[in-house]
């Protein structure tokens, strides 16, 4: 097992769009970011939920093992099929 998480590969980054709470501008925030400044009004825009890498990383199942991955997903309130 290597010391590097296979999910940290920058090719696996995803993006979400969040409305600025001050001006409503659509701000793109990537999966490796927690917040970003609105380019229109400079207000901080934060993600609604802080995602665990277990939720978005395609390697999470192999990193954790199937049983632990399922228990973490259950604790997060996510179904294994999402």
Protein backbone atom coordinates (compact mmCIF):
# COMPACT_ATOMS: atom_id res chain seq x y z
CA UNK A 1 0.00 0.00 0.00
CA UNK A 2 1.42 3.37 -0.96
CA UNK A 3 1.36 6.37 1.36
CA UNK A 4 -0.63 8.46 -1.11
CA UNK A 5 -4.42 8.39 -1.34
CA UNK A 6 -5.45 7.28 -4.83
CA UNK A 7 -8.33 9.74 -4.68
CA UNK A 8 -5.95 12.70 -4.48
CA UNK A 9 -5.30 12.44 -8.20
CA UNK A 10 -6.21 15.89 -9.54
CA UNK A 11 -7.95 14.29 -12.52
CA UNK A 12 -10.79 13.19 -10.18
CA UNK A 13 -11.79 16.70 -9.08
CA UNK A 14 -15.47 17.58 -9.50
CA UNK A 15 -17.22 20.95 -9.30
CA UNK A 16 -20.44 22.25 -7.81
CA UNK A 17 -22.19 25.58 -8.25
CA UNK A 18 -23.29 27.53 -5.18
CA UNK A 19 -25.18 30.82 -4.96
CA UNK A 20 -23.38 33.67 -3.25
CA UNK A 21 -25.32 34.51 -0.06
CA UNK A 22 -24.79 38.24 -0.61
CA UNK A 23 -25.40 38.83 -4.34
CA UNK A 24 -26.69 35.50 -5.67
CA UNK A 25 -23.87 35.07 -8.21
CA UNK A 26 -23.24 31.43 -9.22
CA UNK A 27 -19.83 30.46 -7.82
CA UNK A 28 -18.09 27.27 -8.87
CA UNK A 29 -16.44 25.40 -5.99
CA UNK A 30 -14.34 22.32 -6.62
CA UNK A 31 -14.40 19.11 -4.56
CA UNK A 32 -10.98 19.84 -3.06
CA UNK A 33 -12.09 23.31 -1.82
CA UNK A 34 -14.21 24.25 1.18
CA UNK A 35 -15.03 27.81 0.11
CA UNK A 36 -14.26 30.40 -2.53
CA UNK A 37 -14.67 34.15 -2.83
CA UNK A 38 -17.44 35.41 -5.07
CA UNK A 39 -15.81 37.06 -8.09
CA UNK A 40 -18.62 39.62 -8.19
CA UNK A 41 -18.85 40.92 -4.60
CA UNK A 42 -15.88 39.20 -2.87
CA UNK A 43 -18.10 37.57 -0.19
CA UNK A 44 -17.02 34.09 0.93
CA UNK A 45 -19.21 31.33 -0.50
CA UNK A 46 -19.07 28.06 1.43
CA UNK A 47 -20.30 24.61 0.57
CA UNK A 48 -23.50 23.61 2.29
CA UNK A 49 -21.98 20.39 3.56
CA UNK A 50 -18.38 19.39 4.03
CA UNK A 51 -18.11 16.20 2.01
CA UNK A 52 -16.02 13.35 3.22
CA UNK A 53 -13.68 11.84 0.66
CA UNK A 54 -15.64 8.65 1.30
CA UNK A 55 -18.59 10.30 -0.46
CA UNK A 56 -16.86 11.52 -3.61
CA UNK A 57 -13.66 9.54 -4.06
CA UNK A 58 -13.91 6.65 -6.52
CA UNK A 59 -11.18 4.81 -4.56
CA UNK A 60 -12.91 5.03 -1.17
CA UNK A 61 -14.24 1.48 -1.23
CA UNK A 62 -10.84 -0.01 -1.93
CA UNK A 63 -9.08 2.29 0.56
CA UNK A 64 -11.45 1.50 3.43
CA UNK A 65 -12.62 -1.96 2.50
CA UNK A 66 -16.23 -2.77 1.69
CA UNK A 67 -17.48 -3.31 5.26
CA UNK A 68 -15.97 -0.12 6.70
CA UNK A 69 -17.02 1.90 3.62
CA UNK A 70 -20.64 0.76 4.09
CA UNK A 71 -20.59 1.63 7.80
CA UNK A 72 -19.21 5.12 7.09
CA UNK A 73 -21.79 5.70 4.36
CA UNK A 74 -24.55 4.54 6.73
CA UNK A 75 -23.27 6.95 9.42
CA UNK A 76 -23.33 9.77 6.87
CA UNK A 77 -26.93 8.91 6.01
CA UNK A 78 -26.04 7.88 2.47
CA UNK A 79 -27.10 4.69 0.78
CA UNK A 80 -24.42 2.45 -0.63
CA UNK A 81 -25.91 2.84 -4.11
CA UNK A 82 -25.67 6.67 -4.31
